[in-house]
Protein backbone atom coordinates (compact mmCIF):
# COMPACT_ATOMS: atom_id res chain seq x y z
CA GLY A 1 -1.11 26.36 -16.09
CA GLY A 2 -4.03 28.05 -17.78
CA PRO A 3 -7.30 29.14 -16.22
CA GLY A 4 -9.25 26.39 -14.51
CA LYS A 5 -6.17 24.74 -13.05
CA ARG A 6 -5.47 25.09 -9.36
CA TRP A 7 -2.01 26.07 -8.25
CA GLY A 8 0.06 22.96 -7.69
CA ASP A 9 -2.05 20.86 -10.04
CA ARG A 10 0.59 19.50 -12.39
CA ARG A 11 -1.74 17.65 -14.73
CA SER A 12 -0.66 18.12 -18.29
CA TYR A 13 -4.01 17.68 -20.02
CA ASN A 14 -5.40 20.31 -22.30
CA ASP A 15 -8.83 19.90 -20.83
CA ALA A 16 -8.72 20.57 -17.10
CA SER A 17 -12.23 19.15 -16.69
CA GLU A 18 -11.04 15.65 -17.67
CA PRO A 19 -10.62 13.55 -14.54
CA PRO A 20 -7.12 12.10 -14.12
CA PRO A 21 -6.79 8.54 -15.45
CA LEU A 22 -7.65 5.88 -12.90
CA GLY A 23 -4.25 4.20 -13.23
CA ALA A 24 -2.50 7.45 -12.33
CA VAL A 25 -4.82 8.02 -9.37
CA MET A 26 -4.04 4.56 -7.99
CA ARG A 27 -0.29 5.14 -8.35
CA ARG A 28 -0.62 8.45 -6.50
CA LEU A 29 -2.73 6.72 -3.86
CA ARG A 30 0.05 4.21 -3.15
CA VAL A 31 2.68 6.95 -2.88
CA GLN A 32 0.51 8.95 -0.48
CA LEU A 33 -0.40 5.89 1.59
CA ASN A 34 3.28 5.47 2.36
CA THR A 35 3.76 9.06 3.47
CA ILE A 36 0.83 9.56 5.87
CA THR A 37 1.97 11.52 8.91
CA SER A 38 -1.04 13.63 9.87
CA PRO A 39 -4.85 13.50 10.00
CA ASP A 40 -4.74 15.87 7.02
CA ASP A 41 -2.74 13.37 4.96
CA ARG A 42 -5.16 10.65 5.97
CA ARG A 43 -8.15 12.73 4.85
CA ARG A 44 -6.47 13.46 1.52
CA VAL A 45 -5.72 9.77 0.95
CA TYR A 46 -9.29 8.85 1.91
CA ASP A 47 -10.71 11.37 -0.59
CA LEU A 48 -8.38 10.10 -3.30
CA ALA A 49 -9.42 6.49 -2.62
CA ARG A 50 -13.09 7.50 -2.67
CA PHE A 51 -12.58 9.22 -6.02
CA ALA A 52 -10.76 6.16 -7.38
CA ALA A 53 -13.57 3.83 -6.25
CA SER A 54 -16.28 5.95 -7.87
CA GLU A 55 -14.20 6.29 -11.04
CA ALA A 56 -13.74 2.49 -11.19
CA GLU A 57 -17.51 2.07 -10.78
CA ARG A 58 -18.17 4.62 -13.50
CA GLN A 59 -15.95 2.56 -15.81
CA HIS A 60 -17.79 -0.64 -14.78
CA LEU A 61 -14.64 -2.16 -13.28
CA ALA A 62 -16.41 -4.02 -10.47
CA ALA A 63 -13.44 -5.97 -9.08
CA CYS A 64 -11.26 -2.88 -9.11
CA ALA A 65 -13.97 -0.84 -7.36
CA ASP A 66 -14.41 -3.57 -4.71
CA HIS A 67 -10.69 -3.50 -3.85
CA LEU A 68 -10.78 0.29 -3.69
CA ARG A 69 -13.72 0.17 -1.27
CA THR A 70 -11.65 -2.22 0.87
CA THR A 71 -8.88 0.39 0.69
CA LEU A 72 -11.32 3.01 2.03
CA SER A 73 -12.22 0.85 5.03
CA ALA A 74 -8.56 0.15 5.76
CA VAL A 75 -7.63 3.86 5.59
CA ALA A 76 -10.56 4.69 7.86
CA ALA A 77 -9.25 2.07 10.33
CA GLY A 78 -5.71 3.45 10.08
CA ASP A 79 -4.43 0.18 8.63
CA TYR A 80 -2.26 1.57 5.84
CA ALA A 81 -0.46 -1.70 5.09
CA SER A 82 -3.81 -3.37 4.30
CA ALA A 83 -4.90 -0.29 2.38
CA ASP A 84 -1.76 -0.46 0.25
CA ASP A 85 -2.32 -4.18 -0.33
CA SER A 86 -5.86 -3.45 -1.54
CA VAL A 87 -4.63 -0.77 -3.94
CA VAL A 88 -2.15 -3.30 -5.38
CA LYS A 89 -5.06 -5.72 -5.93
CA ALA A 90 -7.14 -2.93 -7.49
CA GLN A 91 -4.25 -2.13 -9.84
CA ALA A 92 -3.96 -5.80 -10.80
CA ALA A 93 -7.71 -5.93 -11.51
CA PHE A 94 -7.44 -2.70 -13.50
CA ASN A 95 -4.41 -3.81 -15.55
CA GLY A 96 -5.44 -7.44 -15.85
CA PRO A 97 -7.16 -9.12 -18.79
CA ARG A 98 -10.26 -7.18 -19.73
């Protein structure tokens, strides 16, 4: 990648300052939720969920943001099945009728 991209950041946007699309973040969140093996993984997933929740709020997607906040609580509690369920609901809210 060009300057401004961290190593390992495979985003293909021209403008590295653009945040990744919320839909993509939620898909990545689900993948990572299912591969948590260490406290490090858990922290990464938590940060990703926190970013997704604030991004949903920024886009005024209240229902989506609510589900993502539920995801945060579930990750914090170590309940990854519930967290995954909440991400699925957030995705449905995000993709549903506007």
